[in-house]
Every structure is written in C-alpha cells, then in structure tokens.
Protein backbone atom coordinates (compact mmCIF):
# COMPACT_ATOMS: atom_id res chain seq x y z
CA MET A 1 0.00 0.00 0.00
CA SER A 2 1.40 3.36 -0.98
CA HIS A 3 1.68 6.01 1.69
CA ARG A 4 -0.10 8.34 -0.72
CA ALA A 5 -3.10 6.03 -0.58
CA LEU A 6 -3.72 6.55 3.14
CA ASP A 7 -7.33 7.49 3.78
CA PHE A 8 -7.20 9.53 6.97
CA HIS A 9 -10.99 9.64 7.22
CA LYS A 10 -11.21 5.83 7.32
CA ILE A 11 -8.34 5.62 9.80
CA LEU A 12 -9.98 8.17 12.11
CA LEU A 13 -13.34 6.40 11.79
CA ALA A 14 -11.71 3.11 12.85
CA SER A 15 -10.08 4.95 15.76
CA GLU A 16 -13.43 6.28 16.92
CA ASN A 17 -15.02 2.83 16.62
CA ILE A 18 -12.22 1.35 18.70
CA ARG A 19 -12.61 4.09 21.32
CA LEU A 20 -16.39 3.70 21.51
CA HIS A 21 -16.69 -0.08 21.26
CA GLY A 22 -13.34 -1.49 22.35
CA GLU A 23 -12.19 -2.67 25.74
CA ARG A 24 -10.25 -0.14 27.74
CA SER A 25 -7.15 -1.18 29.63
CA SER A 26 -5.11 1.58 31.27
CA GLU A 27 -4.12 3.92 28.41
CA LEU A 28 -5.29 1.70 25.53
CA TYR A 29 -8.50 0.76 23.82
CA VAL A 30 -8.51 -2.61 22.02
CA LEU A 31 -10.98 -3.97 19.47
CA ASP A 32 -10.57 -6.94 17.11
CA GLY A 33 -6.81 -7.13 17.66
CA VAL A 34 -6.16 -3.42 17.04
CA SER A 35 -5.14 -1.12 19.88
CA LEU A 36 -5.59 2.64 20.06
CA SER A 37 -3.63 5.05 22.20
CA THR A 38 -3.80 8.82 22.20
CA GLY A 39 -1.06 11.36 22.75
CA TYR A 40 -1.08 13.58 25.79
CA ASP A 41 -1.70 16.62 23.58
CA GLY A 42 -4.83 15.19 21.97
CA TYR A 43 -3.41 15.77 18.48
CA SER A 44 -1.85 12.38 17.89
CA ILE A 45 -3.09 8.80 17.95
CA THR A 46 -1.41 5.45 17.46
CA LEU A 47 -3.11 2.38 16.07
CA SER A 48 -1.31 -0.94 16.20
CA ASN A 49 -1.66 -4.67 16.00
CA ASN A 50 0.97 -7.31 16.75
CA LYS A 51 3.06 -6.33 13.69
CA VAL A 52 2.20 -2.82 12.48
CA SER A 53 2.12 0.56 14.19
CA LEU A 54 0.61 3.67 12.62
CA ALA A 55 0.97 7.01 14.39
CA LEU A 56 -1.09 9.95 13.09
CA HIS A 57 0.01 13.44 14.02
CA PHE A 58 -1.15 17.00 13.54
CA HIS A 59 -1.64 18.16 9.92
CA ASN A 60 -2.11 14.59 8.64
CA THR A 61 1.50 13.61 9.10
CA PHE A 62 2.20 10.03 10.11
CA ASN A 63 4.74 7.35 10.93
CA LEU A 64 4.18 3.79 9.76
CA ASP A 65 6.26 0.96 11.18
CA SER A 66 5.75 -2.40 9.50
CA PRO A 67 7.99 -5.34 8.68
CA SER A 68 6.45 -5.90 5.25
CA ARG A 69 4.01 -4.61 2.67
CA SER A 70 1.71 -7.60 3.23
CA ASP A 71 1.60 -6.91 6.99
CA THR A 72 0.65 -3.31 6.21
CA GLU A 73 -2.09 -4.43 3.85
CA ASP A 74 -3.42 -6.88 6.46
CA PHE A 75 -3.45 -4.09 9.05
CA PHE A 76 -5.53 -1.82 6.81
CA LYS A 77 -7.89 -4.74 6.13
CA GLN A 78 -8.34 -5.03 9.90
CA LEU A 79 -9.27 -1.34 10.05
CA ASP A 80 -11.73 -1.82 7.17
CA GLY A 81 -13.25 -4.74 9.07
CA ILE A 82 -13.73 -2.55 12.13
CA ASN A 83 -15.35 0.16 10.01
CA ASN A 84 -17.67 -2.35 8.32
CA ARG A 85 -18.70 -4.00 11.57
CA LYS A 86 -22.24 -3.42 12.83
CA PHE A 87 -22.30 -2.23 16.43
CA ASN A 88 -25.33 -2.41 18.71
CA ASP A 89 -25.51 1.08 20.17
CA CYS A 90 -27.72 1.38 23.19
C-alpha cells in the first residue's frame, strides 16, 4: 500500500469505533486485535496490531512501522473490518 493512498478519514473512523466499542485497559482501547492510544496533547493517535504501528500526528503527518508490505495491507484490512462492523448502540 502506498503512503499516498492513506485514507485519513477511514483511519480516524476506525479509531473512533475502537474508542467507543473497544475494551479499555489503562491507556489503551482494544478492538478486534487493534489497539488505540492517544497522545497527551490530543493531536496524535497510534493504532497498532501485533506487527504494524501507525501514528497519526497534527496536519495529517504520520509514521508507519511495518515489517512488510503484506503486513501493512493486512493491518488496513483489519481497520476496514472494524469500520464495516455493525455495532449495537444502546
């Protein structure tokens, strides 16, 4: 996946779904194998699974740490799965 192809809207939507519907443990929220942490300043978030870490910063800058292209693609499929999931909001 090309860095130019990052869809920040979809990433932020997945982050919000994880925050709203995931399990909270100390500083993290976890949903479907993806964890979310937020920076102390409120302007940065980090999403990660057991292989990939994606940090989003102010002005849509980011850092992506992944051992391989296929691991990155799998990570973004996980985020798509979270976004496509139907949640029962009470």
